[in-house]
Full PDB file with SEQRES, HELIX, SHEET, SSBOND, CRYST1, ORIGX, SCALE, CONECT and MASTER records, all heavy atoms in Angstrom:
SEQRES   1 A   29  ILE SER ALA LEU GLU ASN ALA PRO VAL LYS GLN ASN VAL          
SEQRES   2 A   29  ALA MET THR GLY SER LEU SER VAL ARG GLY ASP VAL LEU          
SEQRES   3 A   29  PRO VAL GLY                                                  
HELIX    1 AA1 SER A    2  GLU A    5  1                                   4    
SHEET    1 AA1 2 SER A  18  LEU A  19  0                                        
SHEET    2 AA1 2 VAL A  25  LEU A  26 -1                                        
CRYST1    1.000    1.000    1.000  90.00  90.00  90.00 P 1           1          
ORIGX1      1.000000  0.000000  0.000000        0.00000                         
ORIGX2      0.000000  1.000000  0.000000        0.00000                         
ORIGX3      0.000000  0.000000  1.000000        0.00000                         
SCALE1      1.000000  0.000000  0.000000        0.00000                         
SCALE2      0.000000  1.000000  0.000000        0.00000                         
SCALE3      0.000000  0.000000  1.000000        0.00000                         
ATOM      1  N   ILE A   1       0.845  -1.203   0.000  1.00  0.00           N  
ATOM      2  CA  ILE A   1       0.000   0.000   0.000  1.00  0.00           C  
ATOM      3  C   ILE A   1       0.878   1.249   0.000  1.00  0.00           C  
ATOM      4  O   ILE A   1       0.603   2.237  -0.695  1.00  0.00           O  
ATOM      5  CB  ILE A   1      -0.954  -0.014   1.210  1.00  0.00           C  
ATOM      6  CG1 ILE A   1      -1.996  -1.121   1.032  1.00  0.00           C  
ATOM      7  CG2 ILE A   1      -1.636   1.334   1.380  1.00  0.00           C  
ATOM      8  CD1 ILE A   1      -2.889  -1.322   2.241  1.00  0.00           C  
ATOM      9  N   SER A   2       1.976   1.203   0.760  1.00  0.00           N  
ATOM     10  CA  SER A   2       2.899   2.334   0.784  1.00  0.00           C  
ATOM     11  C   SER A   2       3.494   2.580  -0.601  1.00  0.00           C  
ATOM     12  O   SER A   2       3.590   3.729  -1.058  1.00  0.00           O  
ATOM     13  CB  SER A   2       4.018   2.063   1.793  1.00  0.00           C  
ATOM     14  OG  SER A   2       5.046   3.010   1.674  1.00  0.00           O  
ATOM     15  N   ALA A   3       3.857   1.493  -1.299  1.00  0.00           N  
ATOM     16  CA  ALA A   3       4.443   1.639  -2.636  1.00  0.00           C  
ATOM     17  C   ALA A   3       3.408   2.116  -3.646  1.00  0.00           C  
ATOM     18  O   ALA A   3       3.718   2.950  -4.517  1.00  0.00           O  
ATOM     19  CB  ALA A   3       5.045   0.299  -3.074  1.00  0.00           C  
ATOM     20  N   LEU A   4       2.196   1.614  -3.564  1.00  0.00           N  
ATOM     21  CA  LEU A   4       1.145   2.013  -4.504  1.00  0.00           C  
ATOM     22  C   LEU A   4       0.797   3.489  -4.370  1.00  0.00           C  
ATOM     23  O   LEU A   4       0.591   4.200  -5.358  1.00  0.00           O  
ATOM     24  CB  LEU A   4      -0.109   1.161  -4.277  1.00  0.00           C  
ATOM     25  CG  LEU A   4      -0.143  -0.231  -4.917  1.00  0.00           C  
ATOM     26  CD1 LEU A   4      -1.352  -1.002  -4.406  1.00  0.00           C  
ATOM     27  CD2 LEU A   4      -0.175  -0.132  -6.438  1.00  0.00           C  
ATOM     28  N   GLU A   5       0.700   3.957  -3.132  1.00  0.00           N  
ATOM     29  CA  GLU A   5       0.248   5.324  -2.860  1.00  0.00           C  
ATOM     30  C   GLU A   5       1.396   6.297  -2.644  1.00  0.00           C  
ATOM     31  O   GLU A   5       1.151   7.469  -2.350  1.00  0.00           O  
ATOM     32  CB  GLU A   5      -0.655   5.320  -1.623  1.00  0.00           C  
ATOM     33  CG  GLU A   5      -1.885   4.436  -1.755  1.00  0.00           C  
ATOM     34  CD  GLU A   5      -2.810   4.919  -2.860  1.00  0.00           C  
ATOM     35  OE1 GLU A   5      -2.867   6.150  -3.092  1.00  0.00           O  
ATOM     36  OE2 GLU A   5      -3.467   4.079  -3.499  1.00  0.00           O  
ATOM     37  N   ASN A   6       2.640   5.783  -2.740  1.00  0.00           N  
ATOM     38  CA  ASN A   6       3.814   6.628  -2.507  1.00  0.00           C  
ATOM     39  C   ASN A   6       3.746   7.287  -1.130  1.00  0.00           C  
ATOM     40  O   ASN A   6       4.118   8.444  -0.951  1.00  0.00           O  
ATOM     41  CB  ASN A   6       3.951   7.694  -3.603  1.00  0.00           C  
ATOM     42  CG  ASN A   6       5.359   8.272  -3.652  1.00  0.00           C  
ATOM     43  OD1 ASN A   6       6.333   7.566  -3.364  1.00  0.00           O  
ATOM     44  ND2 ASN A   6       5.459   9.545  -4.006  1.00  0.00           N  
ATOM     45  N   ALA A   7       3.254   6.516  -0.153  1.00  0.00           N  
ATOM     46  CA  ALA A   7       3.108   7.017   1.224  1.00  0.00           C  
ATOM     47  C   ALA A   7       4.235   6.439   2.071  1.00  0.00           C  
ATOM     48  O   ALA A   7       4.375   5.216   2.164  1.00  0.00           O  
ATOM     49  CB  ALA A   7       1.757   6.605   1.796  1.00  0.00           C  
ATOM     50  N   PRO A   8       5.061   7.260   2.688  1.00  0.00           N  
ATOM     51  CA  PRO A   8       6.186   6.757   3.475  1.00  0.00           C  
ATOM     52  C   PRO A   8       5.737   6.035   4.753  1.00  0.00           C  
ATOM     53  O   PRO A   8       4.694   6.354   5.330  1.00  0.00           O  
ATOM     54  CB  PRO A   8       6.989   8.014   3.801  1.00  0.00           C  
ATOM     55  CG  PRO A   8       6.014   9.133   3.694  1.00  0.00           C  
ATOM     56  CD  PRO A   8       5.020   8.744   2.657  1.00  0.00           C  
ATOM     57  N   VAL A   9       6.549   5.079   5.180  1.00  0.00           N  
ATOM     58  CA  VAL A   9       6.288   4.292   6.390  1.00  0.00           C  
ATOM     59  C   VAL A   9       7.317   4.661   7.453  1.00  0.00           C  
ATOM     60  O   VAL A   9       8.509   4.801   7.164  1.00  0.00           O  
ATOM     61  CB  VAL A   9       6.366   2.776   6.089  1.00  0.00           C  
ATOM     62  CG1 VAL A   9       6.174   1.961   7.371  1.00  0.00           C  
ATOM     63  CG2 VAL A   9       5.341   2.386   5.046  1.00  0.00           C  
ATOM     64  N   LYS A  10       6.857   4.826   8.679  1.00  0.00           N  
ATOM     65  CA  LYS A  10       7.763   5.128   9.786  1.00  0.00           C  
ATOM     66  C   LYS A  10       8.698   3.937  10.013  1.00  0.00           C  
ATOM     67  O   LYS A  10       8.256   2.801  10.156  1.00  0.00           O  
ATOM     68  CB  LYS A  10       6.965   5.394  11.061  1.00  0.00           C  
ATOM     69  CG  LYS A  10       6.000   6.564  10.975  1.00  0.00           C  
ATOM     70  CD  LYS A  10       5.168   6.639  12.253  1.00  0.00           C  
ATOM     71  CE  LYS A  10       4.100   7.735  12.152  1.00  0.00           C  
ATOM     72  NZ  LYS A  10       3.213   7.744  13.343  1.00  0.00           N  
ATOM     73  N   GLN A  11       9.984   4.222  10.075  1.00  0.00           N  
ATOM     74  CA  GLN A  11      10.964   3.154  10.245  1.00  0.00           C  
ATOM     75  C   GLN A  11      11.284   2.854  11.704  1.00  0.00           C  
ATOM     76  O   GLN A  11      12.074   1.939  11.987  1.00  0.00           O  
ATOM     77  CB  GLN A  11      12.243   3.504   9.482  1.00  0.00           C  
ATOM     78  CG  GLN A  11      12.058   3.587   7.978  1.00  0.00           C  
ATOM     79  CD  GLN A  11      11.507   2.301   7.382  1.00  0.00           C  
ATOM     80  OE1 GLN A  11      12.143   1.253   7.469  1.00  0.00           O  
ATOM     81  NE2 GLN A  11      10.308   2.365   6.789  1.00  0.00           N  
ATOM     82  N   ASN A  12      10.663   3.589  12.622  1.00  0.00           N  
ATOM     83  CA  ASN A  12      10.841   3.261  14.036  1.00  0.00           C  
ATOM     84  C   ASN A  12       9.748   2.325  14.532  1.00  0.00           C  
ATOM     85  O   ASN A  12       9.590   2.110  15.728  1.00  0.00           O  
ATOM     86  CB  ASN A  12      10.875   4.534  14.883  1.00  0.00           C  
ATOM     87  CG  ASN A  12       9.550   5.277  14.872  1.00  0.00           C  
ATOM     88  OD1 ASN A  12       8.711   5.074  13.978  1.00  0.00           O  
ATOM     89  ND2 ASN A  12       9.340   6.142  15.856  1.00  0.00           N  
ATOM     90  N   VAL A  13       8.961   1.779  13.582  1.00  0.00           N  
ATOM     91  CA  VAL A  13       7.856   0.875  13.908  1.00  0.00           C  
ATOM     92  C   VAL A  13       8.149  -0.495  13.296  1.00  0.00           C  
ATOM     93  O   VAL A  13       8.559  -0.594  12.135  1.00  0.00           O  
ATOM     94  CB  VAL A  13       6.511   1.405  13.360  1.00  0.00           C  
ATOM     95  CG1 VAL A  13       5.389   0.412  13.630  1.00  0.00           C  
ATOM     96  CG2 VAL A  13       6.198   2.763  13.960  1.00  0.00           C  
ATOM     97  N   ALA A  14       7.956  -1.557  14.080  1.00  0.00           N  
ATOM     98  CA  ALA A  14       8.029  -2.939  13.592  1.00  0.00           C  
ATOM     99  C   ALA A  14       6.662  -3.578  13.805  1.00  0.00           C  
ATOM    100  O   ALA A  14       5.852  -3.084  14.598  1.00  0.00           O  
ATOM    101  CB  ALA A  14       9.103  -3.717  14.326  1.00  0.00           C  
ATOM    102  N   MET A  15       6.390  -4.654  13.081  1.00  0.00           N  
ATOM    103  CA  MET A  15       5.044  -5.237  13.184  1.00  0.00           C  
ATOM    104  C   MET A  15       5.066  -6.734  12.895  1.00  0.00           C  
ATOM    105  O   MET A  15       5.973  -7.267  12.249  1.00  0.00           O  
ATOM    106  CB  MET A  15       4.091  -4.538  12.211  1.00  0.00           C  
ATOM    107  CG  MET A  15       4.466  -4.665  10.740  1.00  0.00           C  
ATOM    108  SD  MET A  15       3.338  -3.743   9.654  1.00  0.00           S  
ATOM    109  CE  MET A  15       3.755  -2.047  10.064  1.00  0.00           C  
ATOM    110  N   THR A  16       4.045  -7.413  13.391  1.00  0.00           N  
ATOM    111  CA  THR A  16       3.799  -8.818  13.096  1.00  0.00           C  
ATOM    112  C   THR A  16       2.307  -9.086  13.193  1.00  0.00           C  
ATOM    113  O   THR A  16       1.613  -8.468  14.002  1.00  0.00           O  
ATOM    114  CB  THR A  16       4.559  -9.750  14.066  1.00  0.00           C  
ATOM    115  OG1 THR A  16       4.321 -11.114  13.697  1.00  0.00           O  
ATOM    116  CG2 THR A  16       4.100  -9.560  15.503  1.00  0.00           C  
ATOM    117  N   GLY A  17       1.818  -9.962  12.349  1.00  0.00           N  
ATOM    118  CA  GLY A  17       0.395 -10.301  12.373  1.00  0.00           C  
ATOM    119  C   GLY A  17      -0.046 -10.949  11.082  1.00  0.00           C  
ATOM    120  O   GLY A  17       0.468 -10.632  10.006  1.00  0.00           O  
ATOM    121  N   SER A  18      -0.978 -11.872  11.194  1.00  0.00           N  
ATOM    122  CA  SER A  18      -1.578 -12.476  10.017  1.00  0.00           C  
ATOM    123  C   SER A  18      -2.731 -11.594   9.542  1.00  0.00           C  
ATOM    124  O   SER A  18      -3.151 -10.669  10.249  1.00  0.00           O  
ATOM    125  CB  SER A  18      -2.066 -13.884  10.355  1.00  0.00           C  
ATOM    126  OG  SER A  18      -2.633 -14.509   9.231  1.00  0.00           O  
ATOM    127  N   LEU A  19      -3.250 -11.882   8.350  1.00  0.00           N  
ATOM    128  CA  LEU A  19      -4.266 -11.010   7.762  1.00  0.00           C  
ATOM    129  C   LEU A  19      -5.278 -11.852   6.997  1.00  0.00           C  
ATOM    130  O   LEU A  19      -4.915 -12.742   6.232  1.00  0.00           O  
ATOM    131  CB  LEU A  19      -3.599 -10.012   6.816  1.00  0.00           C  
ATOM    132  CG  LEU A  19      -4.417  -8.798   6.364  1.00  0.00           C  
ATOM    133  CD1 LEU A  19      -4.790  -7.927   7.542  1.00  0.00           C  
ATOM    134  CD2 LEU A  19      -3.618  -7.993   5.337  1.00  0.00           C  
ATOM    135  N   SER A  20      -6.554 -11.566   7.240  1.00  0.00           N  
ATOM    136  CA  SER A  20      -7.602 -12.233   6.474  1.00  0.00           C  
ATOM    137  C   SER A  20      -7.862 -11.461   5.179  1.00  0.00           C  
ATOM    138  O   SER A  20      -7.427 -10.315   5.024  1.00  0.00           O  
ATOM    139  CB  SER A  20      -8.889 -12.318   7.296  1.00  0.00           C  
ATOM    140  OG  SER A  20      -9.527 -11.055   7.346  1.00  0.00           O  
ATOM    141  N   VAL A  21      -8.585 -12.076   4.260  1.00  0.00           N  
ATOM    142  CA  VAL A  21      -8.893 -11.395   3.002  1.00  0.00           C  
ATOM    143  C   VAL A  21      -9.846 -10.232   3.218  1.00  0.00           C  
ATOM    144  O   VAL A  21     -10.028  -9.397   2.318  1.00  0.00           O  
ATOM    145  CB  VAL A  21      -9.492 -12.386   1.979  1.00  0.00           C  
ATOM    146  CG1 VAL A  21      -8.463 -13.414   1.575  1.00  0.00           C  
ATOM    147  CG2 VAL A  21     -10.746 -13.060   2.538  1.00  0.00           C  
ATOM    148  N   ARG A  22     -10.472 -10.150   4.376  1.00  0.00           N  
ATOM    149  CA  ARG A  22     -11.342  -9.011   4.704  1.00  0.00           C  
ATOM    150  C   ARG A  22     -10.596  -7.888   5.406  1.00  0.00           C  
ATOM    151  O   ARG A  22     -11.172  -6.845   5.691  1.00  0.00           O  
ATOM    152  CB  ARG A  22     -12.495  -9.485   5.606  1.00  0.00           C  
ATOM    153  CG  ARG A  22     -13.417 -10.513   4.969  1.00  0.00           C  
ATOM    154  CD  ARG A  22     -14.315  -9.897   3.919  1.00  0.00           C  
ATOM    155  NE  ARG A  22     -15.129  -8.825   4.432  1.00  0.00           N  
ATOM    156  CZ  ARG A  22     -16.294  -8.989   5.075  1.00  0.00           C  
ATOM    157  NH1 ARG A  22     -16.755 -10.209   5.268  1.00  0.00           N  
ATOM    158  NH2 ARG A  22     -16.985  -7.959   5.491  1.00  0.00           N  
ATOM    159  N   GLY A  23      -9.309  -8.128   5.751  1.00  0.00           N  
ATOM    160  CA  GLY A  23      -8.524  -7.079   6.404  1.00  0.00           C  
ATOM    161  C   GLY A  23      -8.394  -7.224   7.899  1.00  0.00           C  
ATOM    162  O   GLY A  23      -7.814  -6.360   8.554  1.00  0.00           O  
ATOM    163  N   ASP A  24      -8.938  -8.304   8.485  1.00  0.00           N  
ATOM    164  CA  ASP A  24      -8.794  -8.523   9.922  1.00  0.00           C  
ATOM    165  C   ASP A  24      -7.383  -8.987  10.247  1.00  0.00           C  
ATOM    166  O   ASP A  24      -6.798  -9.813   9.539  1.00  0.00           O  
ATOM    167  CB  ASP A  24      -9.783  -9.591  10.401  1.00  0.00           C  
ATOM    168  CG  ASP A  24     -11.229  -9.189  10.150  1.00  0.00           C  
ATOM    169  OD1 ASP A  24     -11.560  -8.037  10.446  1.00  0.00           O  
ATOM    170  OD2 ASP A  24     -12.007 -10.038   9.660  1.00  0.00           O  
ATOM    171  N   VAL A  25      -6.836  -8.473  11.344  1.00  0.00           N  
ATOM    172  CA  VAL A  25      -5.516  -8.895  11.816  1.00  0.00           C  
ATOM    173  C   VAL A  25      -5.702 -10.081  12.753  1.00  0.00           C  
ATOM    174  O   VAL A  25      -6.375  -9.966  13.781  1.00  0.00           O  
ATOM    175  CB  VAL A  25      -4.786  -7.745  12.528  1.00  0.00           C  
ATOM    176  CG1 VAL A  25      -3.421  -8.223  13.039  1.00  0.00           C  
ATOM    177  CG2 VAL A  25      -4.594  -6.566  11.578  1.00  0.00           C  
ATOM    178  N   LEU A  26      -5.090 -11.201  12.389  1.00  0.00           N  
ATOM    179  CA  LEU A  26      -5.282 -12.447  13.124  1.00  0.00           C  
ATOM    180  C   LEU A  26      -4.059 -12.760  13.982  1.00  0.00           C  
ATOM    181  O   LEU A  26      -2.949 -12.317  13.689  1.00  0.00           O  
ATOM    182  CB  LEU A  26      -5.537 -13.592  12.137  1.00  0.00           C  
ATOM    183  CG  LEU A  26      -6.688 -13.374  11.145  1.00  0.00           C  
ATOM    184  CD1 LEU A  26      -6.785 -14.550  10.186  1.00  0.00           C  
ATOM    185  CD2 LEU A  26      -8.002 -13.185  11.890  1.00  0.00           C  
ATOM    186  N   PRO A  27      -4.241 -13.560  15.035  1.00  0.00           N  
ATOM    187  CA  PRO A  27      -3.131 -13.837  15.965  1.00  0.00           C  
ATOM    188  C   PRO A  27      -2.052 -14.705  15.335  1.00  0.00           C  
ATOM    189  O   PRO A  27      -2.295 -15.475  14.410  1.00  0.00           O  
ATOM    190  CB  PRO A  27      -3.815 -14.568  17.132  1.00  0.00           C  
ATOM    191  CG  PRO A  27      -5.046 -15.169  16.543  1.00  0.00           C  
ATOM    192  CD  PRO A  27      -5.509 -14.203  15.484  1.00  0.00           C  
ATOM    193  N   VAL A  28      -0.844 -14.591  15.893  1.00  0.00           N  
ATOM    194  CA  VAL A  28       0.314 -15.370  15.451  1.00  0.00           C  
ATOM    195  C   VAL A  28       1.036 -15.899  16.683  1.00  0.00           C  
ATOM    196  O   VAL A  28       0.717 -15.544  17.823  1.00  0.00           O  
ATOM    197  CB  VAL A  28       1.277 -14.518  14.599  1.00  0.00           C  
ATOM    198  CG1 VAL A  28       0.626 -14.101  13.303  1.00  0.00           C  
ATOM    199  CG2 VAL A  28       1.760 -13.294  15.379  1.00  0.00           C  
ATOM    200  N   GLY A  29       2.024 -16.749  16.465  1.00  0.00           N  
ATOM    201  CA  GLY A  29       2.813 -17.277  17.566  1.00  0.00           C  
ATOM    202  C   GLY A  29       4.115 -16.514  17.748  1.00  0.00           C  
ATOM    203  O   GLY A  29       4.520 -15.718  16.907  1.00  0.00           O  
TER     204      GLY A  29                                                      
MASTER        0    0    0    1    2    0    0    6  203    1    0    3          
END                                                                             
């Protein structure tokens, strides 16, 4: 999404999470 919209992403942020096709963030181990 950042590349498509040319929107920069904060580099002081890290993330983890699964994703459903509806956009829900699902749990991970």
